[in-house]
């Protein structure tokens, strides 16, 4: 599974390998990464975590 995120001018790529794909978990991971990227771009310390399933 590969996730490519874009927030403003920043592009992030996350790749996982092995095992079955957890689509819901992957979507939660992507949402958390976008929040962390936005926090860092705003000059804040990234503290966003995974939302519970």
N, C-alpha and C. Protein backbone atom coordinates (compact mmCIF):
# COMPACT_ATOMS: atom_id res chain seq x y z
N UNK A 1 0.86 -1.17 0.00
CA UNK A 1 0.00 0.00 0.00
C UNK A 1 0.89 1.22 0.00
N UNK A 2 0.59 2.15 -0.84
CA UNK A 2 1.32 3.41 -0.88
C UNK A 2 0.33 4.55 -0.73
N UNK A 3 0.69 5.51 0.10
CA UNK A 3 -0.13 6.70 0.32
C UNK A 3 0.71 7.90 -0.08
N UNK A 4 0.17 8.75 -0.93
CA UNK A 4 0.83 10.00 -1.28
C UNK A 4 -0.09 11.12 -0.84
N UNK A 5 0.43 12.01 0.01
CA UNK A 5 -0.36 13.12 0.55
C UNK A 5 0.22 14.43 0.05
N UNK A 6 -0.65 15.38 -0.17
CA UNK A 6 -0.20 16.71 -0.52
C UNK A 6 -0.96 17.70 0.33
N UNK A 7 -0.22 18.59 0.99
CA UNK A 7 -0.81 19.66 1.77
C UNK A 7 -0.03 20.92 1.41
N UNK A 8 -0.66 21.81 0.67
CA UNK A 8 0.05 22.99 0.19
C UNK A 8 1.15 22.55 -0.76
N UNK A 9 2.38 22.96 -0.47
CA UNK A 9 3.49 22.58 -1.33
C UNK A 9 4.23 21.35 -0.84
N UNK A 10 3.82 20.81 0.31
CA UNK A 10 4.49 19.64 0.86
C UNK A 10 3.87 18.35 0.34
N UNK A 11 4.71 17.42 -0.08
CA UNK A 11 4.24 16.11 -0.53
C UNK A 11 4.89 15.06 0.36
N UNK A 12 4.08 14.15 0.90
CA UNK A 12 4.59 13.08 1.76
C UNK A 12 4.16 11.74 1.18
N UNK A 13 5.05 10.77 1.27
CA UNK A 13 4.76 9.42 0.79
C UNK A 13 5.00 8.44 1.93
N UNK A 14 4.04 7.55 2.14
CA UNK A 14 4.17 6.49 3.13
C UNK A 14 3.89 5.18 2.42
N UNK A 15 4.78 4.20 2.63
CA UNK A 15 4.62 2.90 1.98
C UNK A 15 4.64 1.81 3.05
N UNK A 16 3.71 0.88 2.94
CA UNK A 16 3.69 -0.27 3.83
C UNK A 16 3.78 -1.54 2.98
N UNK A 17 4.32 -2.58 3.58
CA UNK A 17 4.46 -3.84 2.87
C UNK A 17 4.06 -4.99 3.78
N UNK A 18 3.58 -6.07 3.17
CA UNK A 18 3.29 -7.29 3.89
C UNK A 18 1.92 -7.29 4.53
N UNK A 19 1.33 -8.43 4.59
CA UNK A 19 0.05 -8.59 5.26
C UNK A 19 -1.10 -8.01 4.46
N UNK A 20 -2.31 -8.28 4.94
CA UNK A 20 -3.50 -7.74 4.26
C UNK A 20 -3.61 -6.23 4.45
N UNK A 21 -4.26 -5.59 3.51
CA UNK A 21 -4.44 -4.13 3.57
C UNK A 21 -5.65 -3.81 4.45
N UNK A 22 -5.46 -2.92 5.39
CA UNK A 22 -6.54 -2.44 6.26
C UNK A 22 -6.95 -1.06 5.73
N UNK A 23 -7.98 -1.03 4.88
CA UNK A 23 -8.37 0.25 4.24
C UNK A 23 -8.79 1.30 5.26
N UNK A 24 -9.59 0.91 6.25
CA UNK A 24 -10.04 1.88 7.26
C UNK A 24 -8.85 2.43 8.04
N UNK A 25 -7.94 1.55 8.42
CA UNK A 25 -6.75 1.99 9.15
C UNK A 25 -5.86 2.88 8.30
N UNK A 26 -5.76 2.56 7.02
CA UNK A 26 -4.97 3.37 6.11
C UNK A 26 -5.55 4.76 5.97
N UNK A 27 -6.86 4.84 5.89
CA UNK A 27 -7.51 6.17 5.80
C UNK A 27 -7.29 6.97 7.08
N UNK A 28 -7.37 6.31 8.24
CA UNK A 28 -7.11 7.02 9.51
C UNK A 28 -5.67 7.51 9.57
N UNK A 29 -4.72 6.68 9.11
CA UNK A 29 -3.32 7.08 9.09
C UNK A 29 -3.13 8.30 8.18
N UNK A 30 -3.73 8.27 7.00
CA UNK A 30 -3.60 9.40 6.08
C UNK A 30 -4.18 10.68 6.68
N UNK A 31 -5.34 10.58 7.33
CA UNK A 31 -5.95 11.76 7.96
C UNK A 31 -5.05 12.32 9.07
N UNK A 32 -4.43 11.43 9.87
CA UNK A 32 -3.54 11.88 10.92
C UNK A 32 -2.31 12.57 10.34
N UNK A 33 -1.75 12.00 9.28
CA UNK A 33 -0.58 12.61 8.66
C UNK A 33 -0.88 14.00 8.10
N UNK A 34 -2.04 14.16 7.49
CA UNK A 34 -2.43 15.48 6.97
C UNK A 34 -2.53 16.48 8.13
N UNK A 35 -3.15 16.07 9.24
CA UNK A 35 -3.26 16.98 10.40
C UNK A 35 -1.88 17.37 10.91
N UNK A 36 -0.97 16.40 11.01
CA UNK A 36 0.38 16.69 11.50
C UNK A 36 1.14 17.61 10.55
N UNK A 37 0.99 17.38 9.25
CA UNK A 37 1.63 18.25 8.26
C UNK A 37 1.11 19.67 8.40
N UNK A 38 -0.20 19.82 8.52
CA UNK A 38 -0.80 21.15 8.65
C UNK A 38 -0.33 21.83 9.93
N UNK A 39 -0.22 21.09 11.02
CA UNK A 39 0.27 21.67 12.28
C UNK A 39 1.71 22.17 12.11
N UNK A 40 2.56 21.36 11.48
CA UNK A 40 3.95 21.76 11.28
C UNK A 40 4.05 22.98 10.37
N UNK A 41 3.24 23.01 9.31
CA UNK A 41 3.27 24.16 8.40
C UNK A 41 2.82 25.43 9.10
N UNK A 42 1.97 25.29 10.12
CA UNK A 42 1.49 26.46 10.87
C UNK A 42 2.46 26.86 11.97
N UNK A 43 3.59 26.15 12.08
CA UNK A 43 4.59 26.50 13.08
C UNK A 43 4.31 25.89 14.44
N UNK A 44 3.36 24.99 14.52
CA UNK A 44 3.04 24.34 15.80
C UNK A 44 3.74 22.98 15.87
N UNK A 45 3.92 22.47 17.07
CA UNK A 45 4.48 21.13 17.25
C UNK A 45 3.40 20.12 16.87
N UNK A 46 3.67 19.24 15.92
CA UNK A 46 2.68 18.25 15.52
C UNK A 46 2.34 17.32 16.69
N UNK A 47 1.05 17.23 17.01
CA UNK A 47 0.63 16.35 18.10
C UNK A 47 -0.62 15.52 17.74
N UNK A 48 -1.04 15.60 16.49
CA UNK A 48 -2.22 14.84 16.08
C UNK A 48 -1.92 13.35 16.18
N UNK A 49 -2.89 12.59 16.67
CA UNK A 49 -2.76 11.15 16.78
C UNK A 49 -3.84 10.45 15.98
N UNK A 50 -3.79 9.13 15.98
CA UNK A 50 -4.80 8.35 15.27
C UNK A 50 -6.13 8.44 15.98
N UNK A 51 -7.19 8.68 15.23
CA UNK A 51 -8.53 8.65 15.77
C UNK A 51 -8.92 7.19 15.98
N UNK A 52 -9.66 6.89 17.05
CA UNK A 52 -10.06 5.50 17.28
C UNK A 52 -10.94 5.00 16.14
N UNK A 53 -10.91 3.70 15.93
CA UNK A 53 -11.70 3.08 14.86
C UNK A 53 -13.17 3.20 15.13
